[in-house]
Amino acid sequence: MASHGGTIGIICRPDHETFGPVADRLRDRGFEVAFLEPGVAIPPERLDRLALLVNKKVRWESLRALAYAHRNELPAWNGYVPTMLFVNRLSQLAALDAAGFRVPDVRTEPPDGAYVGKAFFDVENEPALDGPGDFYQPLLYSDGVDRKYYAVDDGRTVHTAVVEFRSKLFGDREFLGRGEVRADVAERIQRLLRSTGARGVGVDVILVDGEPYAVDVNPATSFRRTGLEAAIADSIVDAMP
């Protein structure tokens, strides 16, 4: 087992609008923070100097870093197991279903009518309306608003915020503002976090005839416009060995 130092490593740009302030909060509490460049292989000797690894970007290189951390008992905030569970789009749907969410159907062939084509792995690709994919989901007709539920478990409570966007399936993603947290959705996300060991996620929720469907989980999400910086810092500290 590697001998880990006292630095928190964050795979993210240092000027990120959420994780930059999170790093400042951690430094104010006496922790050293090092930003690691996304999309670049991280040498094992650099990982061995860390006390905790945080990943903000789903790239193959960061997934390999999380795998190394898992094998070498380096603690991680959103570790390899929950991250890979959510990066695989089929297993993420199963986890959402187990947490009590309604989820879209999955087809091996394009269905009649409008559909969404998706790759198995949610790494550097976007779902495509009526496009190619490893699997297909009939398009669910909603009000056209994606409600991104951001949730952070700080070890004592789960903090939740909602940010609304115009759906990117129909054009450029447009920020609409903060939304209301539905208690039933927040409860399912708490169940999802605690059953998988994830510390923080973004869950895309749409309303179909007024009922919430979860269509995606991001284990390395931005938390932009949520005001959850303090909760994220608390959660990272709670994950420290």
C-alpha atoms as a PDB file:
ATOM      1  CA  MET A   1       0.000   0.000   0.000  1.00  0.00           C
ATOM      2  CA  ALA A   2       1.274   3.462  -0.893  1.00  0.00           C
ATOM      3  CA  SER A   3       2.093   5.934   1.877  1.00  0.00           C
ATOM      4  CA  HIS A   4      -0.216   8.896   1.297  1.00  0.00           C
ATOM      5  CA  GLY A   5       0.620  12.497   2.176  1.00  0.00           C
ATOM      6  CA  GLY A   6      -1.605  15.310   3.358  1.00  0.00           C
ATOM      7  CA  THR A   7      -2.687  16.970   0.103  1.00  0.00           C
ATOM      8  CA  ILE A   8      -6.193  16.889  -1.378  1.00  0.00           C
ATOM      9  CA  GLY A   9      -5.948  16.403  -5.148  1.00  0.00           C
ATOM     10  CA  ILE A  10      -8.801  17.706  -7.329  1.00  0.00           C
ATOM     11  CA  ILE A  11      -8.996  16.721 -11.002  1.00  0.00           C
ATOM     12  CA  CYS A  12     -10.304  20.053 -12.252  1.00  0.00           C
ATOM     13  CA  ARG A  13      -9.227  23.433 -13.586  1.00  0.00           C
ATOM     14  CA  PRO A  14      -8.081  25.690 -10.719  1.00  0.00           C
ATOM     15  CA  ASP A  15     -10.329  28.525 -11.953  1.00  0.00           C
ATOM     16  CA  HIS A  16     -13.514  26.419 -11.849  1.00  0.00           C
ATOM     17  CA  GLU A  17     -16.343  28.580 -10.539  1.00  0.00           C
ATOM     18  CA  THR A  18     -17.372  26.003  -7.918  1.00  0.00           C
ATOM     19  CA  PHE A  19     -14.269  23.979  -7.070  1.00  0.00           C
ATOM     20  CA  GLY A  20     -11.989  27.023  -7.033  1.00  0.00           C
ATOM     21  CA  PRO A  21     -13.943  28.475  -4.065  1.00  0.00           C
ATOM     22  CA  VAL A  22     -14.195  24.980  -2.542  1.00  0.00           C
ATOM     23  CA  ALA A  23     -10.388  24.770  -2.613  1.00  0.00           C
ATOM     24  CA  ASP A  24     -10.154  28.197  -0.931  1.00  0.00           C
ATOM     25  CA  ARG A  25     -12.442  26.963   1.855  1.00  0.00           C
ATOM     26  CA  LEU A  26     -10.300  23.853   2.313  1.00  0.00           C
ATOM     27  CA  ARG A  27      -7.111  25.919   2.478  1.00  0.00           C
ATOM     28  CA  ASP A  28      -8.730  28.225   5.047  1.00  0.00           C
ATOM     29  CA  ARG A  29      -9.237  25.113   7.163  1.00  0.00           C
ATOM     30  CA  GLY A  30      -5.569  24.186   6.947  1.00  0.00           C
ATOM     31  CA  PHE A  31      -5.579  21.658   4.093  1.00  0.00           C
ATOM     32  CA  GLU A  32      -3.229  21.668   1.133  1.00  0.00           C
ATOM     33  CA  VAL A  33      -4.991  21.459  -2.248  1.00  0.00           C
ATOM     34  CA  ALA A  34      -3.475  20.565  -5.618  1.00  0.00           C
ATOM     35  CA  PHE A  35      -5.388  20.806  -8.892  1.00  0.00           C
ATOM     36  CA  LEU A  36      -4.714  18.019 -11.406  1.00  0.00           C
ATOM     37  CA  GLU A  37      -5.287  18.676 -15.112  1.00  0.00           C
ATOM     38  CA  PRO A  38      -8.351  16.887 -16.562  1.00  0.00           C
ATOM     39  CA  GLY A  39      -7.779  14.624 -19.559  1.00  0.00           C
ATOM     40  CA  VAL A  40      -4.116  14.006 -18.719  1.00  0.00           C
ATOM     41  CA  ALA A  41      -2.702  10.788 -17.262  1.00  0.00           C
ATOM     42  CA  ILE A  42      -1.698  11.281 -13.623  1.00  0.00           C
ATOM     43  CA  PRO A  43       1.552   9.498 -12.663  1.00  0.00           C
ATOM     44  CA  PRO A  44       1.200   7.019  -9.788  1.00  0.00           C
ATOM     45  CA  GLU A  45       3.951   8.765  -7.823  1.00  0.00           C
ATOM     46  CA  ARG A  46       1.887  11.959  -7.833  1.00  0.00           C
ATOM     47  CA  LEU A  47      -1.221  10.110  -6.634  1.00  0.00           C
ATOM     48  CA  ASP A  48       0.858   8.478  -3.888  1.00  0.00           C
ATOM     49  CA  ARG A  49       1.521  11.909  -2.394  1.00  0.00           C
ATOM     50  CA  LEU A  50      -2.198  12.615  -1.883  1.00  0.00           C
ATOM     51  CA  ALA A  51      -4.379  12.104   1.181  1.00  0.00           C
ATOM     52  CA  LEU A  52      -7.625  12.219  -0.838  1.00  0.00           C
ATOM     53  CA  LEU A  53      -8.574  12.279  -4.527  1.00  0.00           C
ATOM     54  CA  VAL A  54     -11.534  14.298  -5.844  1.00  0.00           C
ATOM     55  CA  ASN A  55     -12.623  13.983  -9.472  1.00  0.00           C
ATOM     56  CA  LYS A  56     -14.590  16.740 -11.162  1.00  0.00           C
ATOM     57  CA  LYS A  57     -14.284  15.522 -14.794  1.00  0.00           C
ATOM     58  CA  VAL A  58     -15.313  12.183 -16.307  1.00  0.00           C
ATOM     59  CA  ARG A  59     -12.465  11.339 -18.636  1.00  0.00           C
ATOM     60  CA  TRP A  60     -10.780   7.978 -19.195  1.00  0.00           C
ATOM     61  CA  GLU A  61      -7.611   9.345 -17.584  1.00  0.00           C
ATOM     62  CA  SER A  62      -9.461  10.365 -14.410  1.00  0.00           C
ATOM     63  CA  LEU A  63     -11.238   7.004 -14.280  1.00  0.00           C
ATOM     64  CA  ARG A  64      -7.821   5.316 -14.408  1.00  0.00           C
ATOM     65  CA  ALA A  65      -6.669   7.551 -11.541  1.00  0.00           C
ATOM     66  CA  LEU A  66      -9.715   6.526  -9.493  1.00  0.00           C
ATOM     67  CA  ALA A  67      -9.009   2.865 -10.287  1.00  0.00           C
ATOM     68  CA  TYR A  68      -5.410   3.298  -9.053  1.00  0.00           C
ATOM     69  CA  ALA A  69      -6.699   4.985  -5.893  1.00  0.00           C
ATOM     70  CA  HIS A  70      -9.122   2.108  -5.308  1.00  0.00           C
ATOM     71  CA  ARG A  71      -6.405  -0.538  -5.729  1.00  0.00           C
ATOM     72  CA  ASN A  72      -3.961   1.310  -3.478  1.00  0.00           C
ATOM     73  CA  GLU A  73      -6.340   2.323  -0.687  1.00  0.00           C
ATOM     74  CA  LEU A  74      -6.142   6.031  -1.465  1.00  0.00           C
ATOM     75  CA  PRO A  75      -9.434   7.538  -0.223  1.00  0.00           C
ATOM     76  CA  ALA A  76     -11.549   9.315  -2.823  1.00  0.00           C
ATOM     77  CA  TRP A  77     -14.542  11.632  -2.750  1.00  0.00           C
ATOM     78  CA  ASN A  78     -16.883   9.797  -5.127  1.00  0.00           C
ATOM     79  CA  GLY A  79     -14.612   6.816  -5.513  1.00  0.00           C
ATOM     80  CA  TYR A  80     -14.081   4.336  -8.316  1.00  0.00           C
ATOM     81  CA  VAL A  81     -17.042   2.056  -7.543  1.00  0.00           C
ATOM     82  CA  PRO A  82     -19.868   4.659  -7.470  1.00  0.00           C
ATOM     83  CA  THR A  83     -18.273   6.572 -10.343  1.00  0.00           C
ATOM     84  CA  MET A  84     -18.140   3.519 -12.610  1.00  0.00           C
ATOM     85  CA  LEU A  85     -21.667   2.553 -11.549  1.00  0.00           C
ATOM     86  CA  PHE A  86     -22.928   5.907 -12.843  1.00  0.00           C
ATOM     87  CA  VAL A  87     -20.613   6.220 -15.860  1.00  0.00           C
ATOM     88  CA  ASN A  88     -22.204   3.061 -17.280  1.00  0.00           C
ATOM     89  CA  ARG A  89     -25.582   4.341 -18.450  1.00  0.00           C
ATOM     90  CA  LEU A  90     -27.334   0.980 -18.027  1.00  0.00           C
ATOM     91  CA  SER A  91     -26.152   0.396 -14.459  1.00  0.00           C
ATOM     92  CA  GLN A  92     -26.993   3.998 -13.552  1.00  0.00           C
ATOM     93  CA  LEU A  93     -30.585   3.384 -14.707  1.00  0.00           C
ATOM     94  CA  ALA A  94     -30.720   0.259 -12.533  1.00  0.00           C
ATOM     95  CA  ALA A  95     -29.424   2.247  -9.532  1.00  0.00           C
ATOM     96  CA  LEU A  96     -31.994   4.997 -10.140  1.00  0.00           C
ATOM     97  CA  ASP A  97     -34.770   2.422 -10.410  1.00  0.00           C
ATOM     98  CA  ALA A  98     -33.644   0.747  -7.176  1.00  0.00           C
ATOM     99  CA  ALA A  99     -33.769   4.159  -5.451  1.00  0.00           C
ATOM    100  CA  GLY A 100     -37.433   4.520  -6.439  1.00  0.00           C
ATOM    101  CA  PHE A 101     -37.190   6.675  -9.580  1.00  0.00           C
ATOM    102  CA  ARG A 102     -39.176   6.190 -12.746  1.00  0.00           C
ATOM    103  CA  VAL A 103     -36.683   5.755 -15.611  1.00  0.00           C
ATOM    104  CA  PRO A 104     -37.061   5.585 -19.412  1.00  0.00           C
ATOM    105  CA  ASP A 105     -37.388   2.223 -21.136  1.00  0.00           C
ATOM    106  CA  VAL A 106     -34.337   0.731 -22.870  1.00  0.00           C
ATOM    107  CA  ARG A 107     -34.432  -0.793 -26.369  1.00  0.00           C
ATOM    108  CA  THR A 108     -31.741  -2.580 -28.365  1.00  0.00           C
ATOM    109  CA  GLU A 109     -33.173  -1.243 -31.648  1.00  0.00           C
ATOM    110  CA  PRO A 110     -34.516   2.223 -32.474  1.00  0.00           C
ATOM    111  CA  PRO A 111     -38.229   2.274 -31.556  1.00  0.00           C
ATOM    112  CA  ASP A 112     -41.030   3.680 -33.682  1.00  0.00           C
ATOM    113  CA  GLY A 113     -41.386   7.404 -33.214  1.00  0.00           C
ATOM    114  CA  ALA A 114     -38.905   9.820 -31.660  1.00  0.00           C
ATOM    115  CA  TYR A 115     -36.133   8.351 -29.513  1.00  0.00           C
ATOM    116  CA  VAL A 116     -32.831   9.167 -27.824  1.00  0.00           C
ATOM    117  CA  GLY A 117     -29.700   7.236 -28.802  1.00  0.00           C
ATOM    118  CA  LYS A 118     -27.071   6.763 -26.099  1.00  0.00           C
ATOM    119  CA  ALA A 119     -23.636   5.181 -25.756  1.00  0.00           C
ATOM    120  CA  PHE A 120     -23.116   2.619 -23.005  1.00  0.00           C
ATOM    121  CA  PHE A 121     -20.502   4.798 -21.304  1.00  0.00           C
ATOM    122  CA  ASP A 122     -21.112   8.436 -20.436  1.00  0.00           C
ATOM    123  CA  VAL A 123     -17.575   9.561 -21.272  1.00  0.00           C
ATOM    124  CA  GLU A 124     -17.065  12.453 -23.709  1.00  0.00           C
ATOM    125  CA  ASN A 125     -20.282  11.897 -25.646  1.00  0.00           C
ATOM    126  CA  GLU A 126     -23.779  13.314 -25.639  1.00  0.00           C
ATOM    127  CA  PRO A 127     -27.158  11.631 -26.196  1.00  0.00           C
ATOM    128  CA  ALA A 128     -28.576  12.315 -29.663  1.00  0.00           C
ATOM    129  CA  LEU A 129     -32.229  12.834 -30.589  1.00  0.00           C
ATOM    130  CA  ASP A 130     -33.047  10.191 -33.240  1.00  0.00           C
ATOM    131  CA  GLY A 131     -29.317   9.527 -33.478  1.00  0.00           C
ATOM    132  CA  PRO A 132     -27.053   6.470 -33.286  1.00  0.00           C
ATOM    133  CA  GLY A 133     -26.317   4.699 -30.036  1.00  0.00           C
ATOM    134  CA  ASP A 134     -25.452   1.489 -28.264  1.00  0.00           C
ATOM    135  CA  PHE A 135     -29.042   1.480 -26.993  1.00  0.00           C
ATOM    136  CA  TYR A 136     -32.194   3.543 -27.478  1.00  0.00           C
ATOM    137  CA  GLN A 137     -34.900   5.093 -25.319  1.00  0.00           C
ATOM    138  CA  PRO A 138     -38.302   6.274 -26.540  1.00  0.00           C
ATOM    139  CA  LEU A 139     -38.509  10.050 -26.176  1.00  0.00           C
ATOM    140  CA  LEU A 140     -40.481  11.038 -23.098  1.00  0.00           C
ATOM    141  CA  TYR A 141     -42.611  14.095 -23.771  1.00  0.00           C
ATOM    142  CA  SER A 142     -42.098  16.598 -20.984  1.00  0.00           C
ATOM    143  CA  ASP A 143     -42.385  20.350 -20.587  1.00  0.00           C
ATOM    144  CA  GLY A 144     -38.937  20.697 -22.213  1.00  0.00           C
ATOM    145  CA  VAL A 145     -37.210  21.600 -18.938  1.00  0.00           C
ATOM    146  CA  ASP A 146     -34.294  19.631 -17.503  1.00  0.00           C
ATOM    147  CA  ARG A 147     -34.268  19.913 -13.725  1.00  0.00           C
ATOM    148  CA  LYS A 148     -30.765  19.190 -12.513  1.00  0.00           C
ATOM    149  CA  TYR A 149     -30.875  18.039  -8.899  1.00  0.00           C
ATOM    150  CA  TYR A 150     -27.498  18.537  -7.250  1.00  0.00           C
ATOM    151  CA  ALA A 151     -26.988  16.675  -3.979  1.00  0.00           C
ATOM    152  CA  VAL A 152     -24.056  16.586  -1.543  1.00  0.00           C
ATOM    153  CA  ASP A 153     -23.741  14.334   1.509  1.00  0.00           C
ATOM    154  CA  ASP A 154     -21.516  15.964   4.140  1.00  0.00           C
ATOM    155  CA  GLY A 155     -21.679  12.938   6.462  1.00  0.00           C
ATOM    156  CA  ARG A 156     -24.528  14.375   8.526  1.00  0.00           C
ATOM    157  CA  THR A 157     -27.105  15.588   6.037  1.00  0.00           C
ATOM    158  CA  VAL A 158     -27.723  15.691   2.295  1.00  0.00           C
ATOM    159  CA  HIS A 159     -27.845  19.204   0.825  1.00  0.00           C
ATOM    160  CA  THR A 160     -29.940  19.554  -2.335  1.00  0.00           C
ATOM    161  CA  ALA A 161     -30.376  22.311  -4.917  1.00  0.00           C
ATOM    162  CA  VAL A 162     -32.182  22.434  -8.266  1.00  0.00           C
ATOM    163  CA  VAL A 163     -31.081  24.309 -11.367  1.00  0.00           C
ATOM    164  CA  GLU A 164     -33.339  24.386 -14.433  1.00  0.00           C
ATOM    165  CA  PHE A 165     -32.290  24.380 -18.101  1.00  0.00           C
ATOM    166  CA  ARG A 166     -34.068  24.207 -21.424  1.00  0.00           C
ATOM    167  CA  SER A 167     -33.474  20.665 -22.697  1.00  0.00           C
ATOM    168  CA  LYS A 168     -30.336  20.327 -24.824  1.00  0.00           C
ATOM    169  CA  LEU A 169     -32.070  17.686 -26.962  1.00  0.00           C
ATOM    170  CA  PHE A 170     -33.886  20.504 -28.727  1.00  0.00           C
ATOM    171  CA  GLY A 171     -31.078  23.027 -29.187  1.00  0.00           C
ATOM    172  CA  ASP A 172     -28.622  24.999 -27.094  1.00  0.00           C
ATOM    173  CA  ARG A 173     -28.927  24.414 -23.365  1.00  0.00           C
ATOM    174  CA  GLU A 174     -30.419  27.576 -21.859  1.00  0.00           C
ATOM    175  CA  PHE A 175     -30.171  28.387 -18.148  1.00  0.00           C
ATOM    176  CA  LEU A 176     -33.639  29.137 -16.761  1.00  0.00           C
ATOM    177  CA  GLY A 177     -32.912  29.702 -13.066  1.00  0.00           C
ATOM    178  CA  ARG A 178     -33.104  27.955  -9.716  1.00  0.00           C
ATOM    179  CA  GLY A 179     -35.979  25.533  -9.189  1.00  0.00           C
ATOM    180  CA  GLU A 180     -37.962  24.144  -6.298  1.00  0.00           C
ATOM    181  CA  VAL A 181     -36.773  20.980  -4.554  1.00  0.00           C
ATOM    182  CA  ARG A 182     -39.468  18.311  -4.558  1.00  0.00           C
ATOM    183  CA  ALA A 183     -39.356  16.348  -1.308  1.00  0.00           C
ATOM    184  CA  ASP A 184     -40.079  13.014  -3.028  1.00  0.00           C
ATOM    185  CA  VAL A 185     -37.221  13.500  -5.502  1.00  0.00           C
ATOM    186  CA  ALA A 186     -34.801  14.610  -2.761  1.00  0.00           C
ATOM    187  CA  GLU A 187     -35.669  11.510  -0.726  1.00  0.00           C
ATOM    188  CA  ARG A 188     -34.890   9.213  -3.680  1.00  0.00           C
ATOM    189  CA  ILE A 189     -31.563  10.955  -4.289  1.00  0.00           C
ATOM    190  CA  GLN A 190     -30.626  10.503  -0.616  1.00  0.00           C
ATOM    191  CA  ARG A 191     -31.399   6.802  -1.015  1.00  0.00           C
ATOM    192  CA  LEU A 192     -29.260   6.730  -4.177  1.00  0.00           C
ATOM    193  CA  LEU A 193     -26.272   8.335  -2.451  1.00  0.00           C
ATOM    194  CA  ARG A 194     -26.402   6.152   0.618  1.00  0.00           C
ATOM    195  CA  SER A 195     -26.905   2.909  -1.307  1.00  0.00           C
ATOM    196  CA  THR A 196     -23.976   3.548  -3.663  1.00  0.00           C
ATOM    197  CA  GLY A 197     -21.496   5.344  -1.399  1.00  0.00           C
ATOM    198  CA  ALA A 198     -21.433   8.434  -3.629  1.00  0.00           C
ATOM    199  CA  ARG A 199     -20.789  11.767  -1.923  1.00  0.00           C
ATOM    200  CA  GLY A 200     -22.167  14.148  -4.532  1.00  0.00           C
ATOM    201  CA  VAL A 201     -24.110  13.800  -7.792  1.00  0.00           C
ATOM    202  CA  GLY A 202     -26.167  15.633 -10.340  1.00  0.00           C
ATOM    203  CA  VAL A 203     -29.392  13.884 -11.353  1.00  0.00           C
ATOM    204  CA  ASP A 204     -31.285  15.034 -14.457  1.00  0.00           C
ATOM    205  CA  VAL A 205     -35.024  14.940 -13.789  1.00  0.00           C
ATOM    206  CA  ILE A 206     -37.847  15.666 -16.228  1.00  0.00           C
ATOM    207  CA  LEU A 207     -41.576  15.875 -15.551  1.00  0.00           C
ATOM    208  CA  VAL A 208     -43.848  13.664 -17.662  1.00  0.00           C
ATOM    209  CA  ASP A 209     -47.525  14.390 -16.972  1.00  0.00           C
ATOM    210  CA  GLY A 210     -46.365  15.902 -13.689  1.00  0.00           C
ATOM    211  CA  GLU A 211     -44.431  12.795 -12.621  1.00  0.00           C
ATOM    212  CA  PRO A 212     -40.635  12.930 -12.170  1.00  0.00           C
ATOM    213  CA  TYR A 213     -38.438  10.679 -14.313  1.00  0.00           C
ATOM    214  CA  ALA A 214     -34.685  10.434 -13.721  1.00  0.00           C
ATOM    215  CA  VAL A 215     -32.825  10.219 -17.030  1.00  0.00           C
ATOM    216  CA  ASP A 216     -29.166  10.665 -16.093  1.00  0.00           C
ATOM    217  CA  VAL A 217     -26.685  10.723 -13.174  1.00  0.00           C
ATOM    218  CA  ASN A 218     -23.380  12.595 -13.270  1.00  0.00           C
ATOM    219  CA  PRO A 219     -20.850  11.612 -10.554  1.00  0.00           C
ATOM    220  CA  ALA A 220     -18.438  14.402 -11.535  1.00  0.00           C
ATOM    221  CA  THR A 221     -20.784  17.305 -11.985  1.00  0.00           C
ATOM    222  CA  SER A 222     -20.149  21.054 -11.896  1.00  0.00           C
ATOM    223  CA  PHE A 223     -22.475  22.178  -9.049  1.00  0.00           C
ATOM    224  CA  ARG A 224     -22.628  25.536 -10.845  1.00  0.00           C
ATOM    225  CA  ARG A 225     -25.145  28.098  -9.580  1.00  0.00           C
ATOM    226  CA  THR A 226     -26.095  25.914  -6.602  1.00  0.00           C
ATOM    227  CA  GLY A 227     -24.488  27.703  -3.656  1.00  0.00           C
ATOM    228  CA  LEU A 228     -23.284  24.322  -2.345  1.00  0.00           C
ATOM    229  CA  GLU A 229     -19.589  25.234  -2.008  1.00  0.00           C
ATOM    230  CA  ALA A 230     -19.634  25.031   1.824  1.00  0.00           C
ATOM    231  CA  ALA A 231     -21.419  21.663   1.753  1.00  0.00           C
ATOM    232  CA  ILE A 232     -18.928  20.278  -0.785  1.00  0.00           C
ATOM    233  CA  ALA A 233     -15.978  21.408   1.348  1.00  0.00           C
ATOM    234  CA  ASP A 234     -17.563  19.846   4.445  1.00  0.00           C
ATOM    235  CA  SER A 235     -18.197  16.622   2.509  1.00  0.00           C
ATOM    236  CA  ILE A 236     -14.588  16.436   1.284  1.00  0.00           C
ATOM    237  CA  VAL A 237     -13.274  16.972   4.825  1.00  0.00           C
ATOM    238  CA  ASP A 238     -15.643  14.270   6.117  1.00  0.00           C
ATOM    239  CA  ALA A 239     -14.225  11.869   3.499  1.00  0.00           C
ATOM    240  CA  MET A 240     -10.652  12.443   4.709  1.00  0.00           C
ATOM    241  CA  PRO A 241      -9.014   9.462   6.466  1.00  0.00           C
END
